[in-house]
Amino acid sequence: MSDTQQRIDDLVKNNEIVLFMKGSASFPMCGFSGRAVQILQACGVELKTLKTVNVLDDADIRQGIKEYSQWPTIPQLYVRGEFIGGSDIMMEMYESGELQKALGAR
């Protein structure tokens, strides 16, 4: 496992909720990242408990997360080490109630 993959693995496994995104929770830098944060807030996730990783700050992480998850787009949500998906999947799961269950089973 490369250094970048190990860094990603540590972030995913050592934080309950991790969102790899463009920007930060308080200042998203793309619409999809902003929507992901809004969905999490609607599910009751407090921003102070949300670990975000700004992929714009680190080109290795930006590419590495796509390889790690085998998912081509950002944002990417992980809950308790499990890859959930991007903002479209988050929205579908939110609308069906699945995301609230995944986040609430803490």
C-alpha atoms as a PDB file:
ATOM      1  CA  MET A   1       0.000   0.000   0.000  1.00  0.00           C
ATOM      2  CA  SER A   2       1.425   3.401  -0.992  1.00  0.00           C
ATOM      3  CA  ASP A   3       1.904   6.199   1.539  1.00  0.00           C
ATOM      4  CA  THR A   4      -1.119   8.004   0.104  1.00  0.00           C
ATOM      5  CA  GLN A   5      -3.292   4.902   0.282  1.00  0.00           C
ATOM      6  CA  GLN A   6      -2.152   4.356   3.884  1.00  0.00           C
ATOM      7  CA  ARG A   7      -3.019   7.970   4.788  1.00  0.00           C
ATOM      8  CA  ILE A   8      -6.490   7.530   3.255  1.00  0.00           C
ATOM      9  CA  ASP A   9      -6.966   4.188   5.001  1.00  0.00           C
ATOM     10  CA  ASP A  10      -6.034   5.753   8.356  1.00  0.00           C
ATOM     11  CA  LEU A  11      -8.492   8.635   7.815  1.00  0.00           C
ATOM     12  CA  VAL A  12     -11.301   6.267   6.869  1.00  0.00           C
ATOM     13  CA  LYS A  13     -10.689   3.825   9.721  1.00  0.00           C
ATOM     14  CA  ASN A  14      -9.920   6.346  12.494  1.00  0.00           C
ATOM     15  CA  ASN A  15     -12.910   8.668  12.008  1.00  0.00           C
ATOM     16  CA  GLU A  16     -16.562   7.743  12.411  1.00  0.00           C
ATOM     17  CA  ILE A  17     -17.736   9.903   9.498  1.00  0.00           C
ATOM     18  CA  VAL A  18     -15.357  11.138   6.787  1.00  0.00           C
ATOM     19  CA  LEU A  19     -16.283  13.213   3.764  1.00  0.00           C
ATOM     20  CA  PHE A  20     -13.656  13.638   1.065  1.00  0.00           C
ATOM     21  CA  MET A  21     -14.782  16.824  -0.659  1.00  0.00           C
ATOM     22  CA  LYS A  22     -13.774  19.979  -2.474  1.00  0.00           C
ATOM     23  CA  GLY A  23     -13.465  22.690   0.160  1.00  0.00           C
ATOM     24  CA  SER A  24     -14.606  22.378   3.754  1.00  0.00           C
ATOM     25  CA  ALA A  25     -17.924  21.809   5.484  1.00  0.00           C
ATOM     26  CA  SER A  26     -18.164  25.529   6.230  1.00  0.00           C
ATOM     27  CA  PHE A  27     -17.008  26.558   2.748  1.00  0.00           C
ATOM     28  CA  PRO A  28     -17.704  23.920   0.066  1.00  0.00           C
ATOM     29  CA  MET A  29     -15.942  24.626  -3.238  1.00  0.00           C
ATOM     30  CA  CYS A  30     -18.385  22.778  -5.518  1.00  0.00           C
ATOM     31  CA  GLY A  31     -22.107  22.180  -5.629  1.00  0.00           C
ATOM     32  CA  PHE A  32     -21.885  18.431  -5.122  1.00  0.00           C
ATOM     33  CA  SER A  33     -19.717  18.850  -2.019  1.00  0.00           C
ATOM     34  CA  GLY A  34     -22.117  21.489  -0.700  1.00  0.00           C
ATOM     35  CA  ARG A  35     -25.060  19.177  -1.258  1.00  0.00           C
ATOM     36  CA  ALA A  36     -23.269  16.340   0.559  1.00  0.00           C
ATOM     37  CA  VAL A  37     -22.733  18.568   3.608  1.00  0.00           C
ATOM     38  CA  GLN A  38     -26.380  19.700   3.533  1.00  0.00           C
ATOM     39  CA  ILE A  39     -27.575  16.085   3.385  1.00  0.00           C
ATOM     40  CA  LEU A  40     -25.419  15.156   6.374  1.00  0.00           C
ATOM     41  CA  GLN A  41     -26.719  18.157   8.320  1.00  0.00           C
ATOM     42  CA  ALA A  42     -30.296  17.166   7.454  1.00  0.00           C
ATOM     43  CA  CYS A  43     -29.504  13.753   8.947  1.00  0.00           C
ATOM     44  CA  GLY A  44     -28.450  15.439  12.187  1.00  0.00           C
ATOM     45  CA  VAL A  45     -24.676  15.214  11.747  1.00  0.00           C
ATOM     46  CA  GLU A  46     -23.021  18.126  13.532  1.00  0.00           C
ATOM     47  CA  LEU A  47     -20.257  19.737  11.512  1.00  0.00           C
ATOM     48  CA  LYS A  48     -17.898  19.583  14.495  1.00  0.00           C
ATOM     49  CA  THR A  49     -18.155  15.770  14.480  1.00  0.00           C
ATOM     50  CA  LEU A  50     -17.705  15.494  10.717  1.00  0.00           C
ATOM     51  CA  LYS A  51     -14.173  14.867   9.475  1.00  0.00           C
ATOM     52  CA  THR A  52     -13.735  16.495   6.082  1.00  0.00           C
ATOM     53  CA  VAL A  53     -10.742  16.192   3.794  1.00  0.00           C
ATOM     54  CA  ASN A  54     -10.282  18.946   1.215  1.00  0.00           C
ATOM     55  CA  VAL A  55      -8.987  17.132  -1.862  1.00  0.00           C
ATOM     56  CA  LEU A  56      -8.068  20.473  -3.445  1.00  0.00           C
ATOM     57  CA  ASP A  57      -5.293  20.827  -0.850  1.00  0.00           C
ATOM     58  CA  ASP A  58      -3.595  17.545  -1.784  1.00  0.00           C
ATOM     59  CA  ALA A  59      -3.350  16.220  -5.347  1.00  0.00           C
ATOM     60  CA  ASP A  60      -2.188  12.804  -4.083  1.00  0.00           C
ATOM     61  CA  ILE A  61      -5.303  12.431  -1.919  1.00  0.00           C
ATOM     62  CA  ARG A  62      -7.509  13.756  -4.736  1.00  0.00           C
ATOM     63  CA  GLN A  63      -6.361  10.988  -7.080  1.00  0.00           C
ATOM     64  CA  GLY A  64      -5.711   8.413  -4.381  1.00  0.00           C
ATOM     65  CA  ILE A  65      -9.243   8.461  -2.976  1.00  0.00           C
ATOM     66  CA  LYS A  66     -10.608   7.541  -6.416  1.00  0.00           C
ATOM     67  CA  GLU A  67      -8.299   4.528  -6.493  1.00  0.00           C
ATOM     68  CA  TYR A  68      -8.984   3.622  -2.863  1.00  0.00           C
ATOM     69  CA  SER A  69     -12.750   3.462  -3.367  1.00  0.00           C
ATOM     70  CA  GLN A  70     -12.693   2.561  -7.058  1.00  0.00           C
ATOM     71  CA  TRP A  71     -15.179   5.431  -7.425  1.00  0.00           C
ATOM     72  CA  PRO A  72     -14.404   8.161  -9.990  1.00  0.00           C
ATOM     73  CA  THR A  73     -16.000  11.224  -8.420  1.00  0.00           C
ATOM     74  CA  ILE A  74     -15.767  13.469  -5.383  1.00  0.00           C
ATOM     75  CA  PRO A  75     -17.324  13.921  -2.828  1.00  0.00           C
ATOM     76  CA  GLN A  76     -17.065  10.526  -1.186  1.00  0.00           C
ATOM     77  CA  LEU A  77     -18.622   9.609   2.145  1.00  0.00           C
ATOM     78  CA  TYR A  78     -17.364   6.944   4.551  1.00  0.00           C
ATOM     79  CA  VAL A  79     -19.225   5.918   7.694  1.00  0.00           C
ATOM     80  CA  ARG A  80     -17.393   3.752  10.233  1.00  0.00           C
ATOM     81  CA  GLY A  81     -14.911   2.646   7.572  1.00  0.00           C
ATOM     82  CA  GLU A  82     -17.547   1.752   4.989  1.00  0.00           C
ATOM     83  CA  PHE A  83     -17.754   3.542   1.638  1.00  0.00           C
ATOM     84  CA  ILE A  84     -21.251   4.968   1.192  1.00  0.00           C
ATOM     85  CA  GLY A  85     -20.922   6.853  -2.104  1.00  0.00           C
ATOM     86  CA  GLY A  86     -21.094  10.303  -3.626  1.00  0.00           C
ATOM     87  CA  SER A  87     -23.712  13.025  -3.341  1.00  0.00           C
ATOM     88  CA  ASP A  88     -26.200  11.352  -5.706  1.00  0.00           C
ATOM     89  CA  ILE A  89     -26.136   8.105  -3.737  1.00  0.00           C
ATOM     90  CA  MET A  90     -26.274  10.070  -0.489  1.00  0.00           C
ATOM     91  CA  MET A  91     -29.424  11.842  -1.744  1.00  0.00           C
ATOM     92  CA  GLU A  92     -31.074   8.572  -2.782  1.00  0.00           C
ATOM     93  CA  MET A  93     -30.226   7.014   0.578  1.00  0.00           C
ATOM     94  CA  TYR A  94     -31.457  10.118   2.427  1.00  0.00           C
ATOM     95  CA  GLU A  95     -34.771  10.099   0.572  1.00  0.00           C
ATOM     96  CA  SER A  96     -35.319   6.404   1.365  1.00  0.00           C
ATOM     97  CA  GLY A  97     -34.215   6.760   5.002  1.00  0.00           C
ATOM     98  CA  GLU A  98     -31.214   4.446   4.543  1.00  0.00           C
ATOM     99  CA  LEU A  99     -28.618   7.152   5.180  1.00  0.00           C
ATOM    100  CA  GLN A 100     -30.219   8.183   8.477  1.00  0.00           C
ATOM    101  CA  LYS A 101     -30.113   4.525   9.565  1.00  0.00           C
ATOM    102  CA  ALA A 102     -26.471   4.161   8.528  1.00  0.00           C
ATOM    103  CA  LEU A 103     -25.492   7.324  10.374  1.00  0.00           C
ATOM    104  CA  GLY A 104     -27.702   6.632  13.381  1.00  0.00           C
ATOM    105  CA  ALA A 105     -26.413   3.148  14.081  1.00  0.00           C
ATOM    106  CA  ARG A 106     -23.532   4.570  16.087  1.00  0.00           C
END
